[in-house]
Amino acid sequence: NEVSSASLRQGSDVDVLTAGVSFAPTDRVRLKGQYAVAWLSDDEQSFGLIGATANTLKAFDQRSHVVTLAVSVIF
């Protein structure tokens, strides 16, 4: 007995948390730094046409970290 299903929902979520700092050791030089972490998730769910159960067909969760450093110099 085979149960067919139809896709009901696809969704992607992106959440980002970031923080930065800046430091000026002199009037003409500025050092900058920034850190960000991003959470990415994607899922696709199906609803069985026979029965009332929702199954996750595919899903992934990923976390990425980004560090940025910069120097600004005024001439």
C-alpha atoms as a PDB file:
ATOM      1  CA  ASN A   1       0.000   0.000   0.000  1.00  0.00           C
ATOM      2  CA  GLU A   2       1.685   3.190  -1.181  1.00  0.00           C
ATOM      3  CA  VAL A   3       0.841   6.581   0.284  1.00  0.00           C
ATOM      4  CA  SER A   4       1.311   9.556  -1.999  1.00  0.00           C
ATOM      5  CA  SER A   5       1.930  12.987  -0.578  1.00  0.00           C
ATOM      6  CA  ALA A   6       1.771  16.602  -1.660  1.00  0.00           C
ATOM      7  CA  SER A   7       4.205  19.254  -0.549  1.00  0.00           C
ATOM      8  CA  LEU A   8       2.537  21.828   1.678  1.00  0.00           C
ATOM      9  CA  ARG A   9       5.296  24.019   3.051  1.00  0.00           C
ATOM     10  CA  GLN A  10       8.785  25.126   2.159  1.00  0.00           C
ATOM     11  CA  GLY A  11      10.616  27.611   4.306  1.00  0.00           C
ATOM     12  CA  SER A  12      13.989  29.188   4.808  1.00  0.00           C
ATOM     13  CA  ASP A  13      15.078  31.159   7.838  1.00  0.00           C
ATOM     14  CA  VAL A  14      18.164  33.325   8.286  1.00  0.00           C
ATOM     15  CA  ASP A  15      19.035  34.804  11.679  1.00  0.00           C
ATOM     16  CA  VAL A  16      22.135  36.986  12.081  1.00  0.00           C
ATOM     17  CA  LEU A  17      23.763  38.315  15.240  1.00  0.00           C
ATOM     18  CA  THR A  18      26.575  40.841  14.799  1.00  0.00           C
ATOM     19  CA  ALA A  19      28.819  43.010  16.983  1.00  0.00           C
ATOM     20  CA  GLY A  20      31.552  45.482  16.103  1.00  0.00           C
ATOM     21  CA  VAL A  21      34.267  47.543  17.737  1.00  0.00           C
ATOM     22  CA  SER A  22      36.267  50.565  16.672  1.00  0.00           C
ATOM     23  CA  PHE A  23      39.468  51.974  18.156  1.00  0.00           C
ATOM     24  CA  ALA A  24      41.333  55.159  17.206  1.00  0.00           C
ATOM     25  CA  PRO A  25      44.965  55.008  18.414  1.00  0.00           C
ATOM     26  CA  THR A  26      45.646  58.353  16.676  1.00  0.00           C
ATOM     27  CA  ASP A  27      43.536  61.075  15.058  1.00  0.00           C
ATOM     28  CA  ARG A  28      44.276  59.681  11.575  1.00  0.00           C
ATOM     29  CA  VAL A  29      44.096  55.917  12.130  1.00  0.00           C
ATOM     30  CA  ARG A  30      41.075  53.858  13.075  1.00  0.00           C
ATOM     31  CA  LEU A  31      41.089  50.091  13.666  1.00  0.00           C
ATOM     32  CA  LYS A  32      37.796  48.266  13.200  1.00  0.00           C
ATOM     33  CA  GLY A  33      36.588  44.741  13.872  1.00  0.00           C
ATOM     34  CA  GLN A  34      33.302  42.976  13.400  1.00  0.00           C
ATOM     35  CA  TYR A  35      32.025  39.499  14.235  1.00  0.00           C
ATOM     36  CA  ALA A  36      28.845  37.951  12.849  1.00  0.00           C
ATOM     37  CA  VAL A  37      27.228  34.566  13.281  1.00  0.00           C
ATOM     38  CA  ALA A  38      24.416  33.492  10.963  1.00  0.00           C
ATOM     39  CA  TRP A  39      22.036  30.579  11.401  1.00  0.00           C
ATOM     40  CA  LEU A  40      20.562  29.220   8.177  1.00  0.00           C
ATOM     41  CA  SER A  41      17.795  26.643   8.097  1.00  0.00           C
ATOM     42  CA  ASP A  42      15.663  25.213   5.351  1.00  0.00           C
ATOM     43  CA  ASP A  43      12.944  22.635   5.481  1.00  0.00           C
ATOM     44  CA  GLU A  44      10.300  21.143   3.261  1.00  0.00           C
ATOM     45  CA  GLN A  45       7.382  19.312   4.785  1.00  0.00           C
ATOM     46  CA  SER A  46       4.788  17.100   3.227  1.00  0.00           C
ATOM     47  CA  PHE A  47       1.369  16.092   4.419  1.00  0.00           C
ATOM     48  CA  GLY A  48       0.313  12.535   3.709  1.00  0.00           C
ATOM     49  CA  LEU A  49      -2.908  12.343   1.717  1.00  0.00           C
ATOM     50  CA  ILE A  50      -3.799   9.167   3.587  1.00  0.00           C
ATOM     51  CA  GLY A  51      -3.384   9.793   7.290  1.00  0.00           C
ATOM     52  CA  ALA A  52      -2.719  13.070   9.037  1.00  0.00           C
ATOM     53  CA  THR A  53       1.020  13.021   9.627  1.00  0.00           C
ATOM     54  CA  ALA A  54       3.499  15.667   8.535  1.00  0.00           C
ATOM     55  CA  ASN A  55       6.938  14.399   7.556  1.00  0.00           C
ATOM     56  CA  THR A  56      10.092  16.393   6.975  1.00  0.00           C
ATOM     57  CA  LEU A  57      11.378  15.444   3.538  1.00  0.00           C
ATOM     58  CA  LYS A  58      14.577  17.442   3.684  1.00  0.00           C
ATOM     59  CA  ALA A  59      16.032  19.782   6.244  1.00  0.00           C
ATOM     60  CA  PHE A  60      19.352  21.388   7.022  1.00  0.00           C
ATOM     61  CA  ASP A  61      20.727  23.698   9.654  1.00  0.00           C
ATOM     62  CA  GLN A  62      23.962  25.576   9.147  1.00  0.00           C
ATOM     63  CA  ARG A  63      25.847  28.085  11.255  1.00  0.00           C
ATOM     64  CA  SER A  64      28.426  30.429   9.724  1.00  0.00           C
ATOM     65  CA  HIS A  65      30.923  32.685  11.499  1.00  0.00           C
ATOM     66  CA  VAL A  66      32.435  35.783   9.887  1.00  0.00           C
ATOM     67  CA  VAL A  67      35.250  37.916  11.306  1.00  0.00           C
ATOM     68  CA  THR A  68      36.137  41.196   9.574  1.00  0.00           C
ATOM     69  CA  LEU A  69      39.122  43.425  10.358  1.00  0.00           C
ATOM     70  CA  ALA A  70      39.800  46.828   8.766  1.00  0.00           C
ATOM     71  CA  VAL A  71      42.132  49.800   9.066  1.00  0.00           C
ATOM     72  CA  SER A  72      41.111  53.306   8.017  1.00  0.00           C
ATOM     73  CA  VAL A  73      43.770  55.938   7.439  1.00  0.00           C
ATOM     74  CA  ILE A  74      43.019  59.614   6.788  1.00  0.00           C
ATOM     75  CA  PHE A  75      45.678  61.336   4.635  1.00  0.00           C
END
